[in-house]
Amino acid sequence: MRGMSETADFEAEKIAIERMVALGYRIYTVQEHLEGADVVWEHPEQPGEWKQQHVGTASGRKWLGHFLVQQLREQQGA
């Protein structure tokens, strides 16, 4: 039963992460802790406009990592 909940939790986190990226938000900070990660997003066209998100599943943190690596590559021009 816990496996189903973990899958549902990840799907919700995945959708939320993809929505932030689609809206143009950029990852500003990621604070890892035992319960997951707290992410602060910033929109480049709205300085000071912060959104916070908690990512609690391991799969969700991996998915977030994918976008973080992509964002870092874009910033480096790779």
PDB file of N, CA and C in Angstrom:
ATOM      1  N   MET A   1       0.827  -1.199   0.000  1.00  0.00           N
ATOM      2  CA  MET A   1       0.000   0.000   0.000  1.00  0.00           C
ATOM      3  C   MET A   1       0.868   1.258   0.000  1.00  0.00           C
ATOM      4  N   ARG A   2       1.982   1.222   0.722  1.00  0.00           N
ATOM      5  CA  ARG A   2       2.868   2.383   0.747  1.00  0.00           C
ATOM      6  C   ARG A   2       3.438   2.656  -0.642  1.00  0.00           C
ATOM      7  N   GLY A   3       3.704   1.619  -1.440  1.00  0.00           N
ATOM      8  CA  GLY A   3       4.224   1.790  -2.784  1.00  0.00           C
ATOM      9  C   GLY A   3       3.291   2.607  -3.660  1.00  0.00           C
ATOM     10  N   MET A   4       1.999   2.372  -3.528  1.00  0.00           N
ATOM     11  CA  MET A   4       1.027   3.139  -4.309  1.00  0.00           C
ATOM     12  C   MET A   4       1.055   4.610  -3.893  1.00  0.00           C
ATOM     13  N   SER A   5       1.182   4.854  -2.592  1.00  0.00           N
ATOM     14  CA  SER A   5       1.221   6.223  -2.108  1.00  0.00           C
ATOM     15  C   SER A   5       2.484   6.927  -2.600  1.00  0.00           C
ATOM     16  N   GLU A   6       3.611   6.240  -2.564  1.00  0.00           N
ATOM     17  CA  GLU A   6       4.881   6.812  -3.037  1.00  0.00           C
ATOM     18  C   GLU A   6       4.774   7.181  -4.518  1.00  0.00           C
ATOM     19  N   THR A   7       4.166   6.296  -5.311  1.00  0.00           N
ATOM     20  CA  THR A   7       3.994   6.566  -6.742  1.00  0.00           C
ATOM     21  C   THR A   7       3.097   7.779  -6.959  1.00  0.00           C
ATOM     22  N   ALA A   8       2.006   7.842  -6.229  1.00  0.00           N
ATOM     23  CA  ALA A   8       1.090   8.983  -6.361  1.00  0.00           C
ATOM     24  C   ALA A   8       1.769  10.270  -5.915  1.00  0.00           C
ATOM     25  N   ASP A   9       2.546  10.192  -4.830  1.00  0.00           N
ATOM     26  CA  ASP A   9       3.267  11.375  -4.355  1.00  0.00           C
ATOM     27  C   ASP A   9       4.258  11.857  -5.411  1.00  0.00           C
ATOM     28  N   PHE A  10       4.999  10.916  -6.005  1.00  0.00           N
ATOM     29  CA  PHE A  10       5.967  11.299  -7.037  1.00  0.00           C
ATOM     30  C   PHE A  10       5.264  11.933  -8.233  1.00  0.00           C
ATOM     31  N   GLU A  11       4.164  11.348  -8.682  1.00  0.00           N
ATOM     32  CA  GLU A  11       3.446  11.914  -9.834  1.00  0.00           C
ATOM     33  C   GLU A  11       3.009  13.347  -9.556  1.00  0.00           C
ATOM     34  N   ALA A  12       2.542  13.608  -8.343  1.00  0.00           N
ATOM     35  CA  ALA A  12       2.121  14.967  -7.981  1.00  0.00           C
ATOM     36  C   ALA A  12       3.327  15.915  -7.975  1.00  0.00           C
ATOM     37  N   GLU A  13       4.456  15.456  -7.433  1.00  0.00           N
ATOM     38  CA  GLU A  13       5.661  16.283  -7.415  1.00  0.00           C
ATOM     39  C   GLU A  13       6.173  16.536  -8.824  1.00  0.00           C
ATOM     40  N   LYS A  14       6.159  15.507  -9.658  1.00  0.00           N
ATOM     41  CA  LYS A  14       6.628  15.627 -11.040  1.00  0.00           C
ATOM     42  C   LYS A  14       5.817  16.684 -11.793  1.00  0.00           C
ATOM     43  N   ILE A  15       4.501  16.609 -11.663  1.00  0.00           N
ATOM     44  CA  ILE A  15       3.621  17.574 -12.326  1.00  0.00           C
ATOM     45  C   ILE A  15       3.901  18.988 -11.817  1.00  0.00           C
ATOM     46  N   ALA A  16       4.080  19.134 -10.497  1.00  0.00           N
ATOM     47  CA  ALA A  16       4.329  20.458  -9.918  1.00  0.00           C
ATOM     48  C   ALA A  16       5.661  21.033 -10.394  1.00  0.00           C
ATOM     49  N   ILE A  17       6.700  20.192 -10.465  1.00  0.00           N
ATOM     50  CA  ILE A  17       8.008  20.640 -10.946  1.00  0.00           C
ATOM     51  C   ILE A  17       7.908  21.060 -12.409  1.00  0.00           C
ATOM     52  N   GLU A  18       7.283  20.229 -13.229  1.00  0.00           N
ATOM     53  CA  GLU A  18       7.146  20.536 -14.654  1.00  0.00           C
ATOM     54  C   GLU A  18       6.327  21.799 -14.875  1.00  0.00           C
ATOM     55  N   ARG A  19       5.343  22.042 -14.028  1.00  0.00           N
ATOM     56  CA  ARG A  19       4.523  23.253 -14.139  1.00  0.00           C
ATOM     57  C   ARG A  19       5.372  24.491 -13.870  1.00  0.00           C
ATOM     58  N   MET A  20       6.216  24.431 -12.846  1.00  0.00           N
ATOM     59  CA  MET A  20       7.071  25.580 -12.539  1.00  0.00           C
ATOM     60  C   MET A  20       8.014  25.884 -13.706  1.00  0.00           C
ATOM     61  N   VAL A  21       8.598  24.835 -14.286  1.00  0.00           N
ATOM     62  CA  VAL A  21       9.498  25.014 -15.430  1.00  0.00           C
ATOM     63  C   VAL A  21       8.730  25.592 -16.615  1.00  0.00           C
ATOM     64  N   ALA A  22       7.536  25.062 -16.873  1.00  0.00           N
ATOM     65  CA  ALA A  22       6.722  25.523 -17.999  1.00  0.00           C
ATOM     66  C   ALA A  22       6.319  26.995 -17.832  1.00  0.00           C
ATOM     67  N   LEU A  23       6.142  27.432 -16.587  1.00  0.00           N
ATOM     68  CA  LEU A  23       5.777  28.826 -16.320  1.00  0.00           C
ATOM     69  C   LEU A  23       6.981  29.758 -16.381  1.00  0.00           C
ATOM     70  N   GLY A  24       8.168  29.199 -16.585  1.00  0.00           N
ATOM     71  CA  GLY A  24       9.358  30.021 -16.738  1.00  0.00           C
ATOM     72  C   GLY A  24      10.158  30.241 -15.471  1.00  0.00           C
ATOM     73  N   TYR A  25       9.782  29.586 -14.381  1.00  0.00           N
ATOM     74  CA  TYR A  25      10.524  29.728 -13.134  1.00  0.00           C
ATOM     75  C   TYR A  25      11.857  28.997 -13.227  1.00  0.00           C
ATOM     76  N   ARG A  26      12.835  29.506 -12.488  1.00  0.00           N
ATOM     77  CA  ARG A  26      14.175  28.918 -12.428  1.00  0.00           C
ATOM     78  C   ARG A  26      14.435  28.483 -10.984  1.00  0.00           C
ATOM     79  N   ILE A  27      15.175  27.417 -10.829  1.00  0.00           N
ATOM     80  CA  ILE A  27      15.532  26.947  -9.494  1.00  0.00           C
ATOM     81  C   ILE A  27      16.517  27.947  -8.905  1.00  0.00           C
ATOM     82  N   TYR A  28      16.189  28.481  -7.742  1.00  0.00           N
ATOM     83  CA  TYR A  28      17.055  29.463  -7.082  1.00  0.00           C
ATOM     84  C   TYR A  28      17.896  28.792  -5.997  1.00  0.00           C
ATOM     85  N   THR A  29      17.240  28.025  -5.114  1.00  0.00           N
ATOM     86  CA  THR A  29      17.960  27.274  -4.088  1.00  0.00           C
ATOM     87  C   THR A  29      17.289  25.927  -3.866  1.00  0.00           C
ATOM     88  N   VAL A  30      18.097  24.980  -3.407  1.00  0.00           N
ATOM     89  CA  VAL A  30      17.597  23.671  -2.992  1.00  0.00           C
ATOM     90  C   VAL A  30      18.236  23.365  -1.647  1.00  0.00           C
ATOM     91  N   GLN A  31      17.405  23.135  -0.647  1.00  0.00           N
ATOM     92  CA  GLN A  31      17.894  22.796   0.693  1.00  0.00           C
ATOM     93  C   GLN A  31      17.481  21.356   0.984  1.00  0.00           C
ATOM     94  N   GLU A  32      18.458  20.456   0.986  1.00  0.00           N
ATOM     95  CA  GLU A  32      18.201  19.046   1.267  1.00  0.00           C
ATOM     96  C   GLU A  32      18.145  18.816   2.773  1.00  0.00           C
ATOM     97  N   HIS A  33      17.278  17.904   3.201  1.00  0.00           N
ATOM     98  CA  HIS A  33      17.199  17.491   4.601  1.00  0.00           C
ATOM     99  C   HIS A  33      16.614  16.091   4.654  1.00  0.00           C
ATOM    100  N   LEU A  34      16.439  15.554   5.827  1.00  0.00           N
ATOM    101  CA  LEU A  34      16.006  14.156   5.967  1.00  0.00           C
ATOM    102  C   LEU A  34      14.620  13.883   5.387  1.00  0.00           C
ATOM    103  N   GLU A  35      13.765  14.880   5.331  1.00  0.00           N
ATOM    104  CA  GLU A  35      12.408  14.693   4.821  1.00  0.00           C
ATOM    105  C   GLU A  35      12.276  15.024   3.341  1.00  0.00           C
ATOM    106  N   GLY A  36      13.386  15.294   2.669  1.00  0.00           N
ATOM    107  CA  GLY A  36      13.324  15.603   1.241  1.00  0.00           C
ATOM    108  C   GLY A  36      14.124  16.841   0.921  1.00  0.00           C
ATOM    109  N   ALA A  37      13.534  17.713   0.125  1.00  0.00           N
ATOM    110  CA  ALA A  37      14.211  18.939  -0.285  1.00  0.00           C
ATOM    111  C   ALA A  37      13.197  20.077  -0.364  1.00  0.00           C
ATOM    112  N   ASP A  38      13.625  21.240   0.059  1.00  0.00           N
ATOM    113  CA  ASP A  38      12.825  22.453  -0.089  1.00  0.00           C
ATOM    114  C   ASP A  38      13.445  23.257  -1.226  1.00  0.00           C
ATOM    115  N   VAL A  39      12.616  23.589  -2.196  1.00  0.00           N
ATOM    116  CA  VAL A  39      13.068  24.282  -3.396  1.00  0.00           C
ATOM    117  C   VAL A  39      12.471  25.680  -3.407  1.00  0.00           C
ATOM    118  N   VAL A  40      13.308  26.658  -3.734  1.00  0.00           N
ATOM    119  CA  VAL A  40      12.822  28.019  -3.949  1.00  0.00           C
ATOM    120  C   VAL A  40      13.008  28.314  -5.428  1.00  0.00           C
ATOM    121  N   TRP A  41      11.919  28.728  -6.048  1.00  0.00           N
ATOM    122  CA  TRP A  41      11.907  29.075  -7.474  1.00  0.00           C
ATOM    123  C   TRP A  41      11.808  30.583  -7.610  1.00  0.00           C
ATOM    124  N   GLU A  42      12.437  31.117  -8.658  1.00  0.00           N
ATOM    125  CA  GLU A  42      12.331  32.542  -8.956  1.00  0.00           C
ATOM    126  C   GLU A  42      12.019  32.701 -10.442  1.00  0.00           C
ATOM    127  N   HIS A  43      11.167  33.664 -10.742  1.00  0.00           N
ATOM    128  CA  HIS A  43      10.852  33.945 -12.136  1.00  0.00           C
ATOM    129  C   HIS A  43      11.741  35.082 -12.612  1.00  0.00           C
ATOM    130  N   PRO A  44      12.517  34.871 -13.706  1.00  0.00           N
ATOM    131  CA  PRO A  44      13.450  35.896 -14.160  1.00  0.00           C
ATOM    132  C   PRO A  44      12.797  37.218 -14.552  1.00  0.00           C
ATOM    133  N   GLU A  45      11.548  37.191 -14.949  1.00  0.00           N
ATOM    134  CA  GLU A  45      10.861  38.417 -15.348  1.00  0.00           C
ATOM    135  C   GLU A  45      10.137  39.084 -14.185  1.00  0.00           C
ATOM    136  N   GLN A  46      10.169  38.442 -13.031  1.00  0.00           N
ATOM    137  CA  GLN A  46       9.501  38.985 -11.836  1.00  0.00           C
ATOM    138  C   GLN A  46      10.450  38.899 -10.650  1.00  0.00           C
ATOM    139  N   PRO A  47      11.496  39.735 -10.628  1.00  0.00           N
ATOM    140  CA  PRO A  47      12.461  39.683  -9.529  1.00  0.00           C
ATOM    141  C   PRO A  47      11.772  39.786  -8.166  1.00  0.00           C
ATOM    142  N   GLY A  48      12.205  38.952  -7.256  1.00  0.00           N
ATOM    143  CA  GLY A  48      11.603  38.955  -5.927  1.00  0.00           C
ATOM    144  C   GLY A  48      10.346  38.121  -5.830  1.00  0.00           C
ATOM    145  N   GLU A  49       9.897  37.554  -6.945  1.00  0.00           N
ATOM    146  CA  GLU A  49       8.712  36.688  -6.963  1.00  0.00           C
ATOM    147  C   GLU A  49       9.184  35.250  -6.720  1.00  0.00           C
ATOM    148  N   TRP A  50       9.043  34.805  -5.483  1.00  0.00           N
ATOM    149  CA  TRP A  50       9.531  33.490  -5.088  1.00  0.00           C
ATOM    150  C   TRP A  50       8.367  32.516  -4.921  1.00  0.00           C
ATOM    151  N   LYS A  51       8.601  31.291  -5.285  1.00  0.00           N
ATOM    152  CA  LYS A  51       7.646  30.200  -5.018  1.00  0.00           C
ATOM    153  C   LYS A  51       8.423  29.117  -4.286  1.00  0.00           C
ATOM    154  N   GLN A  52       7.820  28.553  -3.273  1.00  0.00           N
ATOM    155  CA  GLN A  52       8.469  27.483  -2.531  1.00  0.00           C
ATOM    156  C   GLN A  52       7.753  26.174  -2.793  1.00  0.00           C
ATOM    157  N   GLN A  53       8.528  25.100  -2.805  1.00  0.00           N
ATOM    158  CA  GLN A  53       7.976  23.779  -3.079  1.00  0.00           C
ATOM    159  C   GLN A  53       8.750  22.766  -2.245  1.00  0.00           C
ATOM    160  N   HIS A  54       8.039  21.797  -1.703  1.00  0.00           N
ATOM    161  CA  HIS A  54       8.680  20.686  -0.990  1.00  0.00           C
ATOM    162  C   HIS A  54       8.649  19.461  -1.887  1.00  0.00           C
ATOM    163  N   VAL A  55       9.785  18.807  -2.032  1.00  0.00           N
ATOM    164  CA  VAL A  55       9.890  17.573  -2.807  1.00  0.00           C
ATOM    165  C   VAL A  55      10.322  16.494  -1.820  1.00  0.00           C
ATOM    166  N   GLY A  56       9.427  15.548  -1.543  1.00  0.00           N
ATOM    167  CA  GLY A  56       9.683  14.574  -0.491  1.00  0.00           C
ATOM    168  C   GLY A  56      10.109  13.201  -0.957  1.00  0.00           C
ATOM    169  N   THR A  57       9.829  12.848  -2.200  1.00  0.00           N
ATOM    170  CA  THR A  57      10.169  11.505  -2.664  1.00  0.00           C
ATOM    171  C   THR A  57      11.550  11.489  -3.302  1.00  0.00           C
ATOM    172  N   ALA A  58      12.202  10.330  -3.235  1.00  0.00           N
ATOM    173  CA  ALA A  58      13.507  10.180  -3.878  1.00  0.00           C
ATOM    174  C   ALA A  58      13.383  10.391  -5.386  1.00  0.00           C
ATOM    175  N   SER A  59      12.336   9.850  -5.979  1.00  0.00           N
ATOM    176  CA  SER A  59      12.127  10.026  -7.424  1.00  0.00           C
ATOM    177  C   SER A  59      11.876  11.486  -7.770  1.00  0.00           C
ATOM    178  N   GLY A  60      11.160  12.174  -6.919  1.00  0.00           N
ATOM    179  CA  GLY A  60      10.914  13.603  -7.144  1.00  0.00           C
ATOM    180  C   GLY A  60      12.200  14.409  -7.094  1.00  0.00           C
ATOM    181  N   ARG A  61      13.084  14.058  -6.145  1.00  0.00           N
ATOM    182  CA  ARG A  61      14.363  14.766  -6.052  1.00  0.00           C
ATOM    183  C   ARG A  61      15.229  14.475  -7.269  1.00  0.00           C
ATOM    184  N   LYS A  62      15.169  13.248  -7.777  1.00  0.00           N
ATOM    185  CA  LYS A  62      15.909  12.917  -9.014  1.00  0.00           C
ATOM    186  C   LYS A  62      15.364  13.719 -10.187  1.00  0.00           C
ATOM    187  N   TRP A  63      14.047  13.818 -10.275  1.00  0.00           N
ATOM    188  CA  TRP A  63      13.414  14.570 -11.361  1.00  0.00           C
ATOM    189  C   TRP A  63      13.799  16.040 -11.280  1.00  0.00           C
ATOM    190  N   LEU A  64      13.797  16.588 -10.075  1.00  0.00           N
ATOM    191  CA  LEU A  64      14.224  17.967  -9.882  1.00  0.00           C
ATOM    192  C   LEU A  64      15.682  18.124 -10.309  1.00  0.00           C
ATOM    193  N   GLY A  65      16.515  17.148  -9.960  1.00  0.00           N
ATOM    194  CA  GLY A  65      17.925  17.175 -10.335  1.00  0.00           C
ATOM    195  C   GLY A  65      18.119  17.251 -11.836  1.00  0.00           C
ATOM    196  N   HIS A  66      17.261  16.551 -12.570  1.00  0.00           N
ATOM    197  CA  HIS A  66      17.315  16.602 -14.041  1.00  0.00           C
ATOM    198  C   HIS A  66      17.168  18.043 -14.526  1.00  0.00           C
ATOM    199  N   PHE A  67      16.202  18.761 -13.994  1.00  0.00           N
ATOM    200  CA  PHE A  67      15.975  20.150 -14.412  1.00  0.00           C
ATOM    201  C   PHE A  67      17.070  21.076 -13.908  1.00  0.00           C
ATOM    202  N   LEU A  68      17.620  20.785 -12.724  1.00  0.00           N
ATOM    203  CA  LEU A  68      18.713  21.593 -12.202  1.00  0.00           C
ATOM    204  C   LEU A  68      19.950  21.473 -13.095  1.00  0.00           C
ATOM    205  N   VAL A  69      20.277  20.252 -13.503  1.00  0.00           N
ATOM    206  CA  VAL A  69      21.430  20.048 -14.398  1.00  0.00           C
ATOM    207  C   VAL A  69      21.189  20.762 -15.725  1.00  0.00           C
ATOM    208  N   GLN A  70      19.982  20.644 -16.256  1.00  0.00           N
ATOM    209  CA  GLN A  70      19.628  21.306 -17.516  1.00  0.00           C
ATOM    210  C   GLN A  70      19.787  22.820 -17.375  1.00  0.00           C
ATOM    211  N   GLN A  71      19.302  23.374 -16.272  1.00  0.00           N
ATOM    212  CA  GLN A  71      19.395  24.815 -16.033  1.00  0.00           C
ATOM    213  C   GLN A  71      20.859  25.245 -15.928  1.00  0.00           C
ATOM    214  N   LEU A  72      21.683  24.483 -15.218  1.00  0.00           N
ATOM    215  CA  LEU A  72      23.095  24.816 -15.081  1.00  0.00           C
ATOM    216  C   LEU A  72      23.816  24.766 -16.432  1.00  0.00           C
ATOM    217  N   ARG A  73      23.468  23.796 -17.256  1.00  0.00           N
ATOM    218  CA  ARG A  73      24.076  23.705 -18.587  1.00  0.00           C
ATOM    219  C   ARG A  73      23.697  24.920 -19.424  1.00  0.00           C
ATOM    220  N   GLU A  74      22.439  25.346 -19.337  1.00  0.00           N
ATOM    221  CA  GLU A  74      22.004  26.537 -20.088  1.00  0.00           C
ATOM    222  C   GLU A  74      22.766  27.776 -19.614  1.00  0.00           C
ATOM    223  N   GLN A  75      22.982  27.883 -18.309  1.00  0.00           N
ATOM    224  CA  GLN A  75      23.682  29.046 -17.765  1.00  0.00           C
ATOM    225  C   GLN A  75      25.149  29.067 -18.219  1.00  0.00           C
ATOM    226  N   GLN A  76      25.718  27.888 -18.405  1.00  0.00           N
ATOM    227  CA  GLN A  76      27.113  27.800 -18.833  1.00  0.00           C
ATOM    228  C   GLN A  76      27.259  27.854 -20.333  1.00  0.00           C
ATOM    229  N   GLY A  77      26.131  27.846 -21.046  1.00  0.00           N
ATOM    230  CA  GLY A  77      26.151  27.912 -22.498  1.00  0.00           C
ATOM    231  C   GLY A  77      26.572  26.613 -23.160  1.00  0.00           C
ATOM    232  N   ALA A  78      26.388  25.499 -22.439  1.00  0.00           N
ATOM    233  CA  ALA A  78      26.785  24.190 -22.988  1.00  0.00           C
ATOM    234  C   ALA A  78      25.678  23.594 -23.828  1.00  0.00           C
TER     235      ALA A  78
END
